[in-house]
Amino acid sequence: MRGKFELTKMKLFLLCLVVFIMFVGIGRSIGEKLTLKATNGEEKLAENQERLELERKRKNDLENKEKETKNNSEKTEEIKKDKLVKKENNEEAERKKDTEVAEKDVQAKEVKEEEKSVDQEENSTNDNKKVAYLTFDDGPSVVVTPQILDILDSYNIKATFFVIGSLAEQNSDLIKREYNSGHAIGNHTYSHNYKKIYSSVNNLLSDIDKCENVLKGILGNNFHSAAFRFPGGSFGQKKQPFKDVLKNKGIGHVDWNALNGDAEGHNIPKDRLVQRLVQTIQGKNKVVILMHDAGAKKTTAQALPEIINYLKNQGYEFKTIDQEAINGF
């Protein structure tokens, strides 16, 4: 009985052992499968992470390229703008240089033509009456014009002022003083820009009209300029087309046959100005005297009393330029 029991016990042990071994095998198989699955999952996760990383890198590279392209484009635009600005500045500098050279050339010719016209001018009157027309160009100016007006008032002498329209706009009170004091006011263009006004007949007419409108705005619509004077004078054949057009439009113009020489430089000593006037009026009964009341012509005002006294001592009567006077020139 005991042996039987032992045998049963042994069988039961063996059965448990077999069952245990089976469970161990199943567990190992399941563990291997789980391990394999986990391994595959990790590999897929790693692959996904690598793919995401590549995508991020590509995206960053693309964004960096776009930024770089944009920066390069902006730099290119800035360079283009800088070049354009430099080009425009250079062109403007060249234009100014050309204008300055042209004006200097014209002014040099103006001085020569003034001297030539004065030397060649013949007395146009047949009687012995002496008449002096004092004319002042290129004003009004803040300092010199009032000084000249004060001197003329002190002698009770009337003169003719050929004014620049742009300066008349800035000094309308001086234009009113000239007019109310009985002086004649002439048109000397609005801009006094040689290169502009002499580039075409239409440009000159437009500049004359602009100056006239400024003067009407200051003195009233009934105002009419006493005469027109060409900047630089109308001497020479080059100005003939311009003179013909003015004649057809009924615009009278007047030059000069005597001068004080203040167009030949700035701050010329007053004694030289007086002497130049004395030289250029010799042998002439009717003299149209060119002087200037621009801001740089301070010595012109200083020389004016001596010039007036000299002319009076020579028997000259002072008059202003009007249409009647122009017709008599």
C-alpha atoms as a PDB file:
ATOM      1  CA  MET A   1       0.000   0.000   0.000  1.00  0.00           C
ATOM      2  CA  ARG A   2       2.799   2.242   0.899  1.00  0.00           C
ATOM      3  CA  GLY A   3       4.565   1.403  -2.369  1.00  0.00           C
ATOM      4  CA  LYS A   4       1.453   2.267  -4.300  1.00  0.00           C
ATOM      5  CA  PHE A   5       1.159   5.542  -2.611  1.00  0.00           C
ATOM      6  CA  GLU A   6       4.768   6.284  -3.356  1.00  0.00           C
ATOM      7  CA  LEU A   7       4.213   5.390  -6.994  1.00  0.00           C
ATOM      8  CA  THR A   8       1.183   7.667  -7.255  1.00  0.00           C
ATOM      9  CA  LYS A   9       3.107  10.442  -5.624  1.00  0.00           C
ATOM     10  CA  MET A  10       5.932   9.941  -8.094  1.00  0.00           C
ATOM     11  CA  LYS A  11       3.534  10.092 -11.042  1.00  0.00           C
ATOM     12  CA  LEU A  12       1.953  13.189  -9.678  1.00  0.00           C
ATOM     13  CA  PHE A  13       5.379  14.781  -9.317  1.00  0.00           C
ATOM     14  CA  LEU A  14       6.324  13.820 -12.840  1.00  0.00           C
ATOM     15  CA  LEU A  15       3.025  15.193 -14.124  1.00  0.00           C
ATOM     16  CA  CYS A  16       3.613  18.488 -12.340  1.00  0.00           C
ATOM     17  CA  LEU A  17       7.136  18.550 -13.694  1.00  0.00           C
ATOM     18  CA  VAL A  18       5.871  17.977 -17.244  1.00  0.00           C
ATOM     19  CA  VAL A  19       3.216  20.655 -16.766  1.00  0.00           C
ATOM     20  CA  PHE A  20       5.845  23.038 -15.371  1.00  0.00           C
ATOM     21  CA  ILE A  21       8.175  22.350 -18.280  1.00  0.00           C
ATOM     22  CA  MET A  22       5.322  22.968 -20.697  1.00  0.00           C
ATOM     23  CA  PHE A  23       4.490  26.261 -18.992  1.00  0.00           C
ATOM     24  CA  VAL A  24       8.118  27.277 -19.015  1.00  0.00           C
ATOM     25  CA  GLY A  25       8.336  26.518 -22.740  1.00  0.00           C
ATOM     26  CA  ILE A  26       5.126  28.387 -23.489  1.00  0.00           C
ATOM     27  CA  GLY A  27       6.293  31.322 -21.376  1.00  0.00           C
ATOM     28  CA  ARG A  28       9.639  31.359 -23.099  1.00  0.00           C
ATOM     29  CA  SER A  29       7.931  31.303 -26.490  1.00  0.00           C
ATOM     30  CA  ILE A  30       5.601  34.082 -25.461  1.00  0.00           C
ATOM     31  CA  GLY A  31       8.535  36.019 -23.967  1.00  0.00           C
ATOM     32  CA  GLU A  32      10.528  35.620 -27.154  1.00  0.00           C
ATOM     33  CA  LYS A  33       7.564  36.807 -29.188  1.00  0.00           C
ATOM     34  CA  LEU A  34       7.037  39.756 -26.854  1.00  0.00           C
ATOM     35  CA  THR A  35      10.731  40.535 -26.933  1.00  0.00           C
ATOM     36  CA  LEU A  36      10.738  40.324 -30.718  1.00  0.00           C
ATOM     37  CA  LYS A  37       7.643  42.502 -30.902  1.00  0.00           C
ATOM     38  CA  ALA A  38       9.181  45.009 -28.519  1.00  0.00           C
ATOM     39  CA  THR A  39      12.373  44.976 -30.525  1.00  0.00           C
ATOM     40  CA  ASN A  40      10.441  45.531 -33.759  1.00  0.00           C
ATOM     41  CA  GLY A  41       8.515  48.345 -32.087  1.00  0.00           C
ATOM     42  CA  GLU A  42      11.698  50.001 -30.936  1.00  0.00           C
ATOM     43  CA  GLU A  43      13.167  49.685 -34.423  1.00  0.00           C
ATOM     44  CA  LYS A  44      10.046  51.215 -35.962  1.00  0.00           C
ATOM     45  CA  LEU A  45      10.101  53.959 -33.353  1.00  0.00           C
ATOM     46  CA  ALA A  46      13.737  54.629 -34.133  1.00  0.00           C
ATOM     47  CA  GLU A  47      12.949  54.673 -37.837  1.00  0.00           C
ATOM     48  CA  ASN A  48      10.070  57.098 -37.248  1.00  0.00           C
ATOM     49  CA  GLN A  49      12.267  59.322 -35.136  1.00  0.00           C
ATOM     50  CA  GLU A  50      14.972  59.245 -37.787  1.00  0.00           C
ATOM     51  CA  ARG A  51      12.428  60.045 -40.470  1.00  0.00           C
ATOM     52  CA  LEU A  52      11.013  62.913 -38.406  1.00  0.00           C
ATOM     53  CA  GLU A  53      14.513  64.168 -37.768  1.00  0.00           C
ATOM     54  CA  LEU A  54      15.254  64.112 -41.503  1.00  0.00           C
ATOM     55  CA  GLU A  55      11.995  65.913 -42.196  1.00  0.00           C
ATOM     56  CA  ARG A  56      12.858  68.548 -39.592  1.00  0.00           C
ATOM     57  CA  LYS A  57      16.311  68.921 -41.066  1.00  0.00           C
ATOM     58  CA  ARG A  58      14.939  69.256 -44.588  1.00  0.00           C
ATOM     59  CA  LYS A  59      12.393  71.789 -43.364  1.00  0.00           C
ATOM     60  CA  ASN A  60      15.074  73.775 -41.545  1.00  0.00           C
ATOM     61  CA  ASP A  61      17.340  73.636 -44.579  1.00  0.00           C
ATOM     62  CA  LEU A  62      14.482  74.849 -46.771  1.00  0.00           C
ATOM     63  CA  GLU A  63      13.654  77.683 -44.354  1.00  0.00           C
ATOM     64  CA  ASN A  64      17.324  78.662 -44.138  1.00  0.00           C
ATOM     65  CA  LYS A  65      17.593  78.673 -47.910  1.00  0.00           C
ATOM     66  CA  GLU A  66      14.459  80.801 -48.173  1.00  0.00           C
ATOM     67  CA  LYS A  67      15.829  83.203 -45.565  1.00  0.00           C
ATOM     68  CA  GLU A  68      19.175  83.307 -47.331  1.00  0.00           C
ATOM     69  CA  THR A  69      17.455  83.896 -50.670  1.00  0.00           C
ATOM     70  CA  LYS A  70      15.334  86.651 -49.120  1.00  0.00           C
ATOM     71  CA  ASN A  71      18.369  88.253 -47.481  1.00  0.00           C
ATOM     72  CA  ASN A  72      20.306  88.061 -50.726  1.00  0.00           C
ATOM     73  CA  SER A  73      17.350  89.568 -52.555  1.00  0.00           C
ATOM     74  CA  GLU A  74      17.084  92.383 -50.004  1.00  0.00           C
ATOM     75  CA  LYS A  75      20.812  92.977 -50.207  1.00  0.00           C
ATOM     76  CA  THR A  76      20.585  93.030 -53.988  1.00  0.00           C
ATOM     77  CA  GLU A  77      17.737  95.552 -53.794  1.00  0.00           C
ATOM     78  CA  GLU A  78      19.695  97.688 -51.346  1.00  0.00           C
ATOM     79  CA  ILE A  79      22.722  97.554 -53.623  1.00  0.00           C
ATOM     80  CA  LYS A  80      20.538  98.509 -56.586  1.00  0.00           C
ATOM     81  CA  LYS A  81      18.993 101.366 -54.599  1.00  0.00           C
ATOM     82  CA  ASP A  82      22.417 102.553 -53.466  1.00  0.00           C
ATOM     83  CA  LYS A  83      23.679 102.432 -57.037  1.00  0.00           C
ATOM     84  CA  LEU A  84      20.579 104.275 -58.249  1.00  0.00           C
ATOM     85  CA  VAL A  85      20.955 106.942 -55.558  1.00  0.00           C
ATOM     86  CA  LYS A  86      24.648 107.330 -56.364  1.00  0.00           C
ATOM     87  CA  LYS A  87      23.836 107.529 -60.058  1.00  0.00           C
ATOM     88  CA  GLU A  88      21.166 110.163 -59.459  1.00  0.00           C
ATOM     89  CA  ASN A  89      23.508 112.120 -57.177  1.00  0.00           C
ATOM     90  CA  ASN A  90      26.258 111.936 -59.772  1.00  0.00           C
ATOM     91  CA  GLU A  91      23.877 113.026 -62.522  1.00  0.00           C
ATOM     92  CA  GLU A  92      22.603 115.891 -60.358  1.00  0.00           C
ATOM     93  CA  ALA A  93      26.190 116.919 -59.605  1.00  0.00           C
ATOM     94  CA  GLU A  94      26.990 116.786 -63.317  1.00  0.00           C
ATOM     95  CA  ARG A  95      23.895 118.854 -64.139  1.00  0.00           C
ATOM     96  CA  LYS A  96      24.865 121.445 -61.526  1.00  0.00           C
ATOM     97  CA  LYS A  97      28.412 121.466 -62.833  1.00  0.00           C
ATOM     98  CA  ASP A  98      27.206 121.900 -66.404  1.00  0.00           C
ATOM     99  CA  THR A  99      24.844 124.679 -65.331  1.00  0.00           C
ATOM    100  CA  GLU A 100      27.568 126.474 -63.390  1.00  0.00           C
ATOM    101  CA  VAL A 101      29.996 126.178 -66.305  1.00  0.00           C
ATOM    102  CA  ALA A 102      27.347 127.362 -68.767  1.00  0.00           C
ATOM    103  CA  GLU A 103      26.390 130.321 -66.567  1.00  0.00           C
ATOM    104  CA  LYS A 104      30.027 131.265 -66.038  1.00  0.00           C
ATOM    105  CA  ASP A 105      30.598 131.151 -69.797  1.00  0.00           C
ATOM    106  CA  VAL A 106      27.505 133.243 -70.435  1.00  0.00           C
ATOM    107  CA  GLN A 107      28.455 135.721 -67.724  1.00  0.00           C
ATOM    108  CA  ALA A 108      31.935 136.033 -69.184  1.00  0.00           C
ATOM    109  CA  LYS A 109      30.406 136.678 -72.607  1.00  0.00           C
ATOM    110  CA  GLU A 110      27.975 139.110 -70.992  1.00  0.00           C
ATOM    111  CA  VAL A 111      30.810 141.204 -69.609  1.00  0.00           C
ATOM    112  CA  LYS A 112      32.582 141.219 -72.986  1.00  0.00           C
ATOM    113  CA  GLU A 113      29.367 142.110 -74.819  1.00  0.00           C
ATOM    114  CA  GLU A 114      28.653 144.870 -72.306  1.00  0.00           C
ATOM    115  CA  GLU A 115      32.071 146.375 -72.917  1.00  0.00           C
ATOM    116  CA  LYS A 116      31.738 145.958 -76.679  1.00  0.00           C
ATOM    117  CA  SER A 117      28.255 147.480 -76.744  1.00  0.00           C
ATOM    118  CA  VAL A 118      29.388 150.415 -74.646  1.00  0.00           C
ATOM    119  CA  ASP A 119      32.434 151.044 -76.825  1.00  0.00           C
ATOM    120  CA  GLN A 120      30.460 150.797 -80.079  1.00  0.00           C
ATOM    121  CA  GLU A 121      27.300 152.618 -78.974  1.00  0.00           C
ATOM    122  CA  GLU A 122      26.639 155.860 -80.804  1.00  0.00           C
ATOM    123  CA  ASN A 123      24.606 158.719 -79.519  1.00  0.00           C
ATOM    124  CA  SER A 124      21.026 158.160 -80.755  1.00  0.00           C
ATOM    125  CA  THR A 125      19.678 161.630 -80.106  1.00  0.00           C
ATOM    126  CA  ASN A 126      20.007 164.641 -82.373  1.00  0.00           C
ATOM    127  CA  ASP A 127      19.484 167.344 -79.756  1.00  0.00           C
ATOM    128  CA  ASN A 128      21.795 168.516 -77.026  1.00  0.00           C
ATOM    129  CA  LYS A 129      19.534 167.493 -74.151  1.00  0.00           C
ATOM    130  CA  LYS A 130      21.277 165.125 -71.769  1.00  0.00           C
ATOM    131  CA  VAL A 131      19.229 162.320 -70.211  1.00  0.00           C
ATOM    132  CA  ALA A 132      20.432 159.570 -67.831  1.00  0.00           C
ATOM    133  CA  TYR A 133      18.426 156.412 -67.132  1.00  0.00           C
ATOM    134  CA  LEU A 134      19.676 154.744 -63.964  1.00  0.00           C
ATOM    135  CA  THR A 135      18.820 151.022 -64.165  1.00  0.00           C
ATOM    136  CA  PHE A 136      19.364 148.324 -61.557  1.00  0.00           C
ATOM    137  CA  ASP A 137      19.208 144.603 -62.407  1.00  0.00           C
ATOM    138  CA  ASP A 138      18.929 141.326 -60.449  1.00  0.00           C
ATOM    139  CA  GLY A 139      17.048 142.579 -57.365  1.00  0.00           C
ATOM    140  CA  PRO A 140      15.416 143.105 -55.078  1.00  0.00           C
ATOM    141  CA  SER A 141      17.817 142.168 -52.288  1.00  0.00           C
ATOM    142  CA  VAL A 142      17.347 142.629 -48.562  1.00  0.00           C
ATOM    143  CA  VAL A 143      20.353 144.870 -47.876  1.00  0.00           C
ATOM    144  CA  VAL A 144      21.449 146.609 -51.086  1.00  0.00           C
ATOM    145  CA  THR A 145      18.049 147.535 -52.561  1.00  0.00           C
ATOM    146  CA  PRO A 146      16.874 149.529 -49.491  1.00  0.00           C
ATOM    147  CA  GLN A 147      20.215 151.403 -49.450  1.00  0.00           C
ATOM    148  CA  ILE A 148      19.811 152.361 -53.110  1.00  0.00           C
ATOM    149  CA  LEU A 149      16.198 153.423 -52.539  1.00  0.00           C
ATOM    150  CA  ASP A 150      17.255 155.598 -49.607  1.00  0.00           C
ATOM    151  CA  ILE A 151      19.895 157.329 -51.752  1.00  0.00           C
ATOM    152  CA  LEU A 152      17.485 157.888 -54.653  1.00  0.00           C
ATOM    153  CA  ASP A 153      14.905 159.312 -52.239  1.00  0.00           C
ATOM    154  CA  SER A 154      17.465 161.706 -50.778  1.00  0.00           C
ATOM    155  CA  TYR A 155      18.190 163.068 -54.298  1.00  0.00           C
ATOM    156  CA  ASN A 156      14.547 162.841 -55.401  1.00  0.00           C
ATOM    157  CA  ILE A 157      15.653 160.824 -58.439  1.00  0.00           C
ATOM    158  CA  LYS A 158      13.631 158.046 -60.060  1.00  0.00           C
ATOM    159  CA  ALA A 159      15.254 154.914 -61.497  1.00  0.00           C
ATOM    160  CA  THR A 160      14.233 151.716 -63.262  1.00  0.00           C
ATOM    161  CA  PHE A 161      14.505 148.355 -61.499  1.00  0.00           C
ATOM    162  CA  PHE A 162      14.628 145.204 -63.633  1.00  0.00           C
ATOM    163  CA  VAL A 163      13.554 142.635 -61.062  1.00  0.00           C
ATOM    164  CA  ILE A 164      13.810 138.845 -60.914  1.00  0.00           C
ATOM    165  CA  GLY A 165      10.418 137.252 -60.232  1.00  0.00           C
ATOM    166  CA  SER A 166      11.630 134.688 -57.697  1.00  0.00           C
ATOM    167  CA  LEU A 167      13.284 137.454 -55.643  1.00  0.00           C
ATOM    168  CA  ALA A 168      10.204 139.653 -55.960  1.00  0.00           C
ATOM    169  CA  GLU A 169       8.189 136.852 -54.334  1.00  0.00           C
ATOM    170  CA  GLN A 170      10.581 136.828 -51.385  1.00  0.00           C
ATOM    171  CA  ASN A 171      10.735 140.633 -51.038  1.00  0.00           C
ATOM    172  CA  SER A 172       7.298 141.892 -52.039  1.00  0.00           C
ATOM    173  CA  ASP A 173       7.554 144.820 -49.615  1.00  0.00           C
ATOM    174  CA  LEU A 174      10.540 146.191 -51.546  1.00  0.00           C
ATOM    175  CA  ILE A 175       8.657 145.877 -54.840  1.00  0.00           C
ATOM    176  CA  LYS A 176       5.808 147.884 -53.313  1.00  0.00           C
ATOM    177  CA  ARG A 177       8.246 150.493 -52.025  1.00  0.00           C
ATOM    178  CA  GLU A 178       9.862 150.848 -55.464  1.00  0.00           C
ATOM    179  CA  TYR A 179       6.471 151.221 -57.131  1.00  0.00           C
ATOM    180  CA  ASN A 180       5.002 153.614 -54.549  1.00  0.00           C
ATOM    181  CA  SER A 181       8.128 155.777 -54.697  1.00  0.00           C
ATOM    182  CA  GLY A 182       7.568 156.384 -58.404  1.00  0.00           C
ATOM    183  CA  HIS A 183      10.318 154.157 -59.764  1.00  0.00           C
ATOM    184  CA  ALA A 184       9.730 152.077 -62.892  1.00  0.00           C
ATOM    185  CA  ILE A 185       9.714 148.284 -62.552  1.00  0.00           C
ATOM    186  CA  GLY A 186      10.887 146.113 -65.416  1.00  0.00           C
ATOM    187  CA  ASN A 187      10.717 142.367 -66.047  1.00  0.00           C
ATOM    188  CA  HIS A 188      14.022 140.470 -65.829  1.00  0.00           C
ATOM    189  CA  THR A 189      12.533 136.909 -66.032  1.00  0.00           C
ATOM    190  CA  TYR A 190      11.430 134.793 -63.102  1.00  0.00           C
ATOM    191  CA  SER A 191      14.430 132.476 -62.766  1.00  0.00           C
ATOM    192  CA  HIS A 192      17.360 134.343 -64.407  1.00  0.00           C
ATOM    193  CA  ASN A 193      18.584 130.845 -65.339  1.00  0.00           C
ATOM    194  CA  TYR A 194      20.475 131.275 -68.610  1.00  0.00           C
ATOM    195  CA  LYS A 195      20.502 127.581 -69.491  1.00  0.00           C
ATOM    196  CA  LYS A 196      16.763 127.311 -69.001  1.00  0.00           C
ATOM    197  CA  ILE A 197      15.431 130.524 -70.539  1.00  0.00           C
ATOM    198  CA  TYR A 198      17.656 130.462 -73.610  1.00  0.00           C
ATOM    199  CA  SER A 199      17.053 126.786 -74.389  1.00  0.00           C
ATOM    200  CA  SER A 200      13.929 127.769 -76.362  1.00  0.00           C
ATOM    201  CA  VAL A 201      11.759 130.756 -77.207  1.00  0.00           C
ATOM    202  CA  ASN A 202       8.831 129.173 -75.354  1.00  0.00           C
ATOM    203  CA  ASN A 203      10.903 128.784 -72.195  1.00  0.00           C
ATOM    204  CA  LEU A 204      11.840 132.463 -72.275  1.00  0.00           C
ATOM    205  CA  LEU A 205       8.237 133.571 -72.820  1.00  0.00           C
ATOM    206  CA  SER A 206       7.052 131.289 -70.013  1.00  0.00           C
ATOM    207  CA  ASP A 207       9.646 132.748 -67.621  1.00  0.00           C
ATOM    208  CA  ILE A 208       8.686 136.300 -68.591  1.00  0.00           C
ATOM    209  CA  ASP A 209       4.983 135.541 -68.017  1.00  0.00           C
ATOM    210  CA  LYS A 210       5.746 133.963 -64.650  1.00  0.00           C
ATOM    211  CA  CYS A 211       7.619 137.069 -63.511  1.00  0.00           C
ATOM    212  CA  GLU A 212       4.825 139.305 -64.773  1.00  0.00           C
ATOM    213  CA  ASN A 213       2.217 137.293 -62.847  1.00  0.00           C
ATOM    214  CA  VAL A 214       4.271 137.615 -59.663  1.00  0.00           C
ATOM    215  CA  LEU A 215       4.433 141.388 -60.073  1.00  0.00           C
ATOM    216  CA  LYS A 216       0.683 141.577 -60.755  1.00  0.00           C
ATOM    217  CA  GLY A 217       0.099 139.524 -57.608  1.00  0.00           C
ATOM    218  CA  ILE A 218       2.049 142.116 -55.611  1.00  0.00           C
ATOM    219  CA  LEU A 219       0.979 145.355 -57.318  1.00  0.00           C
ATOM    220  CA  GLY A 220      -2.434 144.468 -58.747  1.00  0.00           C
ATOM    221  CA  ASN A 221      -3.800 143.168 -62.038  1.00  0.00           C
ATOM    222  CA  ASN A 222      -3.571 146.590 -63.656  1.00  0.00           C
ATOM    223  CA  PHE A 223       0.213 146.596 -63.360  1.00  0.00           C
ATOM    224  CA  HIS A 224       2.310 146.233 -66.523  1.00  0.00           C
ATOM    225  CA  SER A 225       6.099 146.067 -66.581  1.00  0.00           C
ATOM    226  CA  ALA A 226       7.804 149.170 -67.917  1.00  0.00           C
ATOM    227  CA  ALA A 227       9.994 147.014 -70.167  1.00  0.00           C
ATOM    228  CA  PHE A 228      11.834 143.725 -70.396  1.00  0.00           C
ATOM    229  CA  ARG A 229      15.580 143.286 -70.131  1.00  0.00           C
ATOM    230  CA  PHE A 230      17.325 140.143 -71.319  1.00  0.00           C
ATOM    231  CA  PRO A 231      19.627 138.585 -68.700  1.00  0.00           C
ATOM    232  CA  GLY A 232      23.025 139.243 -70.246  1.00  0.00           C
ATOM    233  CA  GLY A 233      21.522 141.722 -72.684  1.00  0.00           C
ATOM    234  CA  SER A 234      20.222 141.101 -76.197  1.00  0.00           C
ATOM    235  CA  PHE A 235      23.522 141.756 -77.960  1.00  0.00           C
ATOM    236  CA  GLY A 236      24.621 139.429 -80.747  1.00  0.00           C
ATOM    237  CA  GLN A 237      22.815 137.401 -83.400  1.00  0.00           C
ATOM    238  CA  LYS A 238      22.063 134.440 -81.120  1.00  0.00           C
ATOM    239  CA  LYS A 239      19.360 136.434 -79.349  1.00  0.00           C
ATOM    240  CA  GLN A 240      17.733 137.604 -82.598  1.00  0.00           C
ATOM    241  CA  PRO A 241      15.021 134.861 -82.685  1.00  0.00           C
ATOM    242  CA  PHE A 242      14.072 135.790 -79.121  1.00  0.00           C
ATOM    243  CA  LYS A 243      13.952 139.504 -79.961  1.00  0.00           C
ATOM    244  CA  ASP A 244      11.764 138.815 -82.996  1.00  0.00           C
ATOM    245  CA  VAL A 245       9.217 136.911 -80.905  1.00  0.00           C
ATOM    246  CA  LEU A 246       9.094 139.664 -78.254  1.00  0.00           C
ATOM    247  CA  LYS A 247       8.595 142.274 -80.956  1.00  0.00           C
ATOM    248  CA  ASN A 248       5.695 140.286 -82.452  1.00  0.00           C
ATOM    249  CA  LYS A 249       4.103 140.059 -79.010  1.00  0.00           C
ATOM    250  CA  GLY A 250       4.517 143.772 -78.353  1.00  0.00           C
ATOM    251  CA  ILE A 251       6.997 143.290 -75.510  1.00  0.00           C
ATOM    252  CA  GLY A 252       9.521 146.113 -75.481  1.00  0.00           C
ATOM    253  CA  HIS A 253      13.059 145.396 -74.341  1.00  0.00           C
ATOM    254  CA  VAL A 254      16.005 147.638 -73.566  1.00  0.00           C
ATOM    255  CA  ASP A 255      19.741 147.083 -73.143  1.00  0.00           C
ATOM    256  CA  TRP A 256      22.290 149.736 -72.079  1.00  0.00           C
ATOM    257  CA  ASN A 257      25.034 151.927 -73.491  1.00  0.00           C
ATOM    258  CA  ALA A 258      26.866 152.780 -70.270  1.00  0.00           C
ATOM    259  CA  LEU A 259      27.718 150.957 -67.049  1.00  0.00           C
ATOM    260  CA  ASN A 260      29.546 151.125 -63.737  1.00  0.00           C
ATOM    261  CA  GLY A 261      31.214 147.723 -64.212  1.00  0.00           C
ATOM    262  CA  ASP A 262      29.737 146.050 -61.128  1.00  0.00           C
ATOM    263  CA  ALA A 263      28.919 142.962 -63.253  1.00  0.00           C
ATOM    264  CA  GLU A 264      32.636 142.249 -63.543  1.00  0.00           C
ATOM    265  CA  GLY A 265      33.008 140.982 -59.975  1.00  0.00           C
ATOM    266  CA  HIS A 266      31.896 141.254 -56.354  1.00  0.00           C
ATOM    267  CA  ASN A 267      32.732 144.160 -54.037  1.00  0.00           C
ATOM    268  CA  ILE A 268      34.635 146.117 -56.642  1.00  0.00           C
ATOM    269  CA  PRO A 269      35.984 149.284 -54.970  1.00  0.00           C
ATOM    270  CA  LYS A 270      33.547 152.155 -55.396  1.00  0.00           C
ATOM    271  CA  ASP A 271      36.205 154.424 -56.949  1.00  0.00           C
ATOM    272  CA  ARG A 272      36.627 151.927 -59.799  1.00  0.00           C
ATOM    273  CA  LEU A 273      32.842 151.843 -60.289  1.00  0.00           C
ATOM    274  CA  VAL A 274      32.683 155.631 -60.544  1.00  0.00           C
ATOM    275  CA  GLN A 275      35.628 155.720 -62.938  1.00  0.00           C
ATOM    276  CA  ARG A 276      34.028 153.031 -65.149  1.00  0.00           C
ATOM    277  CA  LEU A 277      30.851 155.104 -65.341  1.00  0.00           C
ATOM    278  CA  VAL A 278      32.819 158.234 -66.275  1.00  0.00           C
ATOM    279  CA  GLN A 279      34.601 156.344 -69.074  1.00  0.00           C
ATOM    280  CA  THR A 280      31.453 154.808 -70.591  1.00  0.00           C
ATOM    281  CA  ILE A 281      29.245 157.938 -70.786  1.00  0.00           C
ATOM    282  CA  GLN A 282      31.766 160.065 -72.646  1.00  0.00           C
ATOM    283  CA  GLY A 283      30.319 161.682 -75.789  1.00  0.00           C
ATOM    284  CA  LYS A 284      26.752 160.484 -75.160  1.00  0.00           C
ATOM    285  CA  ASN A 285      23.777 162.693 -74.482  1.00  0.00           C
ATOM    286  CA  LYS A 286      21.386 159.818 -73.739  1.00  0.00           C
ATOM    287  CA  VAL A 287      22.775 157.126 -71.446  1.00  0.00           C
ATOM    288  CA  VAL A 288      21.109 153.960 -70.175  1.00  0.00           C
ATOM    289  CA  ILE A 289      23.358 152.944 -67.292  1.00  0.00           C
ATOM    290  CA  LEU A 290      23.610 149.300 -66.209  1.00  0.00           C
ATOM    291  CA  MET A 291      24.029 148.730 -62.459  1.00  0.00           C
ATOM    292  CA  HIS A 292      22.904 145.999 -60.062  1.00  0.00           C
ATOM    293  CA  ASP A 293      21.111 145.887 -56.713  1.00  0.00           C
ATOM    294  CA  ALA A 294      21.782 142.194 -56.025  1.00  0.00           C
ATOM    295  CA  GLY A 295      22.914 141.234 -52.539  1.00  0.00           C
ATOM    296  CA  ALA A 296      26.592 140.948 -53.518  1.00  0.00           C
ATOM    297  CA  LYS A 297      26.733 144.485 -54.992  1.00  0.00           C
ATOM    298  CA  LYS A 298      27.257 146.442 -51.766  1.00  0.00           C
ATOM    299  CA  THR A 299      29.808 148.816 -53.311  1.00  0.00           C
ATOM    300  CA  THR A 300      27.269 149.805 -55.980  1.00  0.00           C
ATOM    301  CA  ALA A 301      25.216 151.513 -53.274  1.00  0.00           C
ATOM    302  CA  GLN A 302      28.378 153.097 -51.876  1.00  0.00           C
ATOM    303  CA  ALA A 303      29.341 154.509 -55.293  1.00  0.00           C
ATOM    304  CA  LEU A 304      25.848 155.730 -56.230  1.00  0.00           C
ATOM    305  CA  PRO A 305      26.000 159.216 -54.588  1.00  0.00           C
ATOM    306  CA  GLU A 306      29.231 160.038 -56.437  1.00  0.00           C
ATOM    307  CA  ILE A 307      27.757 158.737 -59.714  1.00  0.00           C
ATOM    308  CA  ILE A 308      24.627 160.866 -59.293  1.00  0.00           C
ATOM    309  CA  ASN A 309      26.636 163.961 -58.415  1.00  0.00           C
ATOM    310  CA  TYR A 310      28.906 163.455 -61.412  1.00  0.00           C
ATOM    311  CA  LEU A 311      25.949 163.065 -63.797  1.00  0.00           C
ATOM    312  CA  LYS A 312      24.245 166.154 -62.364  1.00  0.00           C
ATOM    313  CA  ASN A 313      27.422 168.189 -62.760  1.00  0.00           C
ATOM    314  CA  GLN A 314      27.592 167.040 -66.384  1.00  0.00           C
ATOM    315  CA  GLY A 315      24.076 168.387 -66.960  1.00  0.00           C
ATOM    316  CA  TYR A 316      22.139 165.118 -67.147  1.00  0.00           C
ATOM    317  CA  GLU A 317      18.424 164.932 -66.373  1.00  0.00           C
ATOM    318  CA  PHE A 318      17.209 161.698 -64.760  1.00  0.00           C
ATOM    319  CA  LYS A 319      14.297 159.736 -66.177  1.00  0.00           C
ATOM    320  CA  THR A 320      12.761 156.285 -65.903  1.00  0.00           C
ATOM    321  CA  ILE A 321      12.319 153.845 -68.771  1.00  0.00           C
ATOM    322  CA  ASP A 322       8.826 153.485 -70.213  1.00  0.00           C
ATOM    323  CA  GLN A 323       7.412 152.561 -73.613  1.00  0.00           C
ATOM    324  CA  GLU A 324       7.956 156.088 -74.910  1.00  0.00           C
ATOM    325  CA  ALA A 325      11.588 155.963 -73.884  1.00  0.00           C
ATOM    326  CA  ILE A 326      12.052 152.564 -75.534  1.00  0.00           C
ATOM    327  CA  ASN A 327      10.660 153.874 -78.795  1.00  0.00           C
ATOM    328  CA  GLY A 328      13.202 156.676 -78.662  1.00  0.00           C
ATOM    329  CA  PHE A 329      16.207 154.410 -78.198  1.00  0.00           C
END
